[in-house]
Amino acid sequence: MAINIYTERLIKEWRLHGKIVVAVDYDSTISYWPTIENQQDIKRVVSLLQIAKATGAYIVVFTACKQDRHEDIQRHCESINI
């Protein structure tokens, strides 16, 4: 499989800086959101993030939701190992 230019850049930057931060949205990206049906996409994103984390990446959840949801979001992330 050929590596695309974005993957090449990611690898180059990771090697240059010794770490990489992956920022990800929460609703409908790593967690189901009622108005959007994309379970397969969510599964693929979660799988990719798990691999990135296992490889040493830092995962940051960036969300516009209200602070009262933050604990639930943290629990969800722990439950899916990211």
C-alpha atoms as a PDB file:
ATOM      1  CA  MET A   1       0.000   0.000   0.000  1.00  0.00           C
ATOM      2  CA  ALA A   2       1.381   3.412  -0.949  1.00  0.00           C
ATOM      3  CA  ILE A   3       1.722   6.034   1.754  1.00  0.00           C
ATOM      4  CA  ASN A   4      -0.011   9.273   0.825  1.00  0.00           C
ATOM      5  CA  ILE A   5       1.541  12.716   1.272  1.00  0.00           C
ATOM      6  CA  TYR A   6      -0.385  13.380   4.483  1.00  0.00           C
ATOM      7  CA  THR A   7       0.823  10.189   6.112  1.00  0.00           C
ATOM      8  CA  GLU A   8       4.372  10.979   5.005  1.00  0.00           C
ATOM      9  CA  ARG A   9       4.134  14.427   6.556  1.00  0.00           C
ATOM     10  CA  LEU A  10       2.728  13.002   9.791  1.00  0.00           C
ATOM     11  CA  ILE A  11       5.613  10.546  10.065  1.00  0.00           C
ATOM     12  CA  LYS A  12       8.166  13.257   9.265  1.00  0.00           C
ATOM     13  CA  GLU A  13       6.741  15.656  11.880  1.00  0.00           C
ATOM     14  CA  TRP A  14       6.473  12.906  14.485  1.00  0.00           C
ATOM     15  CA  ARG A  15      10.120  11.961  14.007  1.00  0.00           C
ATOM     16  CA  LEU A  16      11.226  15.607  13.998  1.00  0.00           C
ATOM     17  CA  HIS A  17       9.431  16.548  17.218  1.00  0.00           C
ATOM     18  CA  GLY A  18       9.499  13.193  18.981  1.00  0.00           C
ATOM     19  CA  LYS A  19       5.773  13.291  19.693  1.00  0.00           C
ATOM     20  CA  ILE A  20       2.519  14.017  17.963  1.00  0.00           C
ATOM     21  CA  VAL A  21      -0.791  15.360  19.232  1.00  0.00           C
ATOM     22  CA  VAL A  22      -3.982  14.173  17.581  1.00  0.00           C
ATOM     23  CA  ALA A  23      -6.989  16.397  18.256  1.00  0.00           C
ATOM     24  CA  VAL A  24     -10.401  14.892  17.661  1.00  0.00           C
ATOM     25  CA  ASP A  25     -13.976  16.093  17.996  1.00  0.00           C
ATOM     26  CA  TYR A  26     -16.313  14.134  20.235  1.00  0.00           C
ATOM     27  CA  ASP A  27     -19.920  14.060  18.996  1.00  0.00           C
ATOM     28  CA  SER A  28     -20.352  11.992  15.840  1.00  0.00           C
ATOM     29  CA  THR A  29     -16.593  11.443  15.614  1.00  0.00           C
ATOM     30  CA  ILE A  30     -15.778   9.094  18.506  1.00  0.00           C
ATOM     31  CA  SER A  31     -19.265   8.920  19.993  1.00  0.00           C
ATOM     32  CA  TYR A  32     -22.708   8.405  18.486  1.00  0.00           C
ATOM     33  CA  TRP A  33     -24.825  11.508  17.884  1.00  0.00           C
ATOM     34  CA  PRO A  34     -28.561  10.921  17.330  1.00  0.00           C
ATOM     35  CA  THR A  35     -28.981  13.000  14.159  1.00  0.00           C
ATOM     36  CA  ILE A  36     -26.127  11.401  12.210  1.00  0.00           C
ATOM     37  CA  GLU A  37     -25.857   7.721  11.275  1.00  0.00           C
ATOM     38  CA  ASN A  38     -22.150   6.968  10.908  1.00  0.00           C
ATOM     39  CA  GLN A  39     -21.367   4.049  13.204  1.00  0.00           C
ATOM     40  CA  GLN A  40     -18.845   2.554  10.777  1.00  0.00           C
ATOM     41  CA  ASP A  41     -16.952   5.849  10.534  1.00  0.00           C
ATOM     42  CA  ILE A  42     -16.872   6.141  14.323  1.00  0.00           C
ATOM     43  CA  LYS A  43     -15.502   2.593  14.626  1.00  0.00           C
ATOM     44  CA  ARG A  44     -12.750   3.382  12.101  1.00  0.00           C
ATOM     45  CA  VAL A  45     -11.785   6.624  13.857  1.00  0.00           C
ATOM     46  CA  VAL A  46     -11.690   4.952  17.275  1.00  0.00           C
ATOM     47  CA  SER A  47      -9.557   2.120  15.906  1.00  0.00           C
ATOM     48  CA  LEU A  48      -7.114   4.570  14.337  1.00  0.00           C
ATOM     49  CA  LEU A  49      -6.894   6.589  17.565  1.00  0.00           C
ATOM     50  CA  GLN A  50      -6.244   3.434  19.588  1.00  0.00           C
ATOM     51  CA  ILE A  51      -3.355   2.565  17.268  1.00  0.00           C
ATOM     52  CA  ALA A  52      -1.991   6.116  17.443  1.00  0.00           C
ATOM     53  CA  LYS A  53      -2.196   6.096  21.238  1.00  0.00           C
ATOM     54  CA  ALA A  54      -0.488   2.693  21.466  1.00  0.00           C
ATOM     55  CA  THR A  55       2.265   4.075  19.242  1.00  0.00           C
ATOM     56  CA  GLY A  56       2.814   7.031  21.575  1.00  0.00           C
ATOM     57  CA  ALA A  57       0.564   9.781  20.234  1.00  0.00           C
ATOM     58  CA  TYR A  58      -1.193  12.146  22.591  1.00  0.00           C
ATOM     59  CA  ILE A  59      -4.953  12.215  22.007  1.00  0.00           C
ATOM     60  CA  VAL A  60      -6.839  15.438  22.758  1.00  0.00           C
ATOM     61  CA  VAL A  61     -10.619  15.639  22.599  1.00  0.00           C
ATOM     62  CA  PHE A  62     -11.643  19.061  21.339  1.00  0.00           C
ATOM     63  CA  THR A  63     -15.347  19.731  21.730  1.00  0.00           C
ATOM     64  CA  ALA A  64     -17.712  22.665  21.894  1.00  0.00           C
ATOM     65  CA  CYS A  65     -20.060  20.917  24.321  1.00  0.00           C
ATOM     66  CA  LYS A  66     -20.854  22.335  27.725  1.00  0.00           C
ATOM     67  CA  GLN A  67     -18.630  21.570  30.678  1.00  0.00           C
ATOM     68  CA  ASP A  68     -21.307  19.454  32.396  1.00  0.00           C
ATOM     69  CA  ARG A  69     -20.623  16.742  29.773  1.00  0.00           C
ATOM     70  CA  HIS A  70     -16.848  16.632  30.280  1.00  0.00           C
ATOM     71  CA  GLU A  71     -16.883  13.841  32.893  1.00  0.00           C
ATOM     72  CA  ASP A  72     -19.084  11.675  30.654  1.00  0.00           C
ATOM     73  CA  ILE A  73     -16.757  12.345  27.736  1.00  0.00           C
ATOM     74  CA  GLN A  74     -13.741  11.376  29.821  1.00  0.00           C
ATOM     75  CA  ARG A  75     -15.435   8.151  30.940  1.00  0.00           C
ATOM     76  CA  HIS A  76     -16.347   7.326  27.348  1.00  0.00           C
ATOM     77  CA  CYS A  77     -12.762   7.898  26.184  1.00  0.00           C
ATOM     78  CA  GLU A  78     -11.435   5.656  28.958  1.00  0.00           C
ATOM     79  CA  SER A  79     -13.981   2.981  28.047  1.00  0.00           C
ATOM     80  CA  ILE A  80     -12.771   2.904  24.428  1.00  0.00           C
ATOM     81  CA  ASN A  81      -9.097   3.158  25.446  1.00  0.00           C
ATOM     82  CA  ILE A  82      -8.240   6.533  24.050  1.00  0.00           C
END
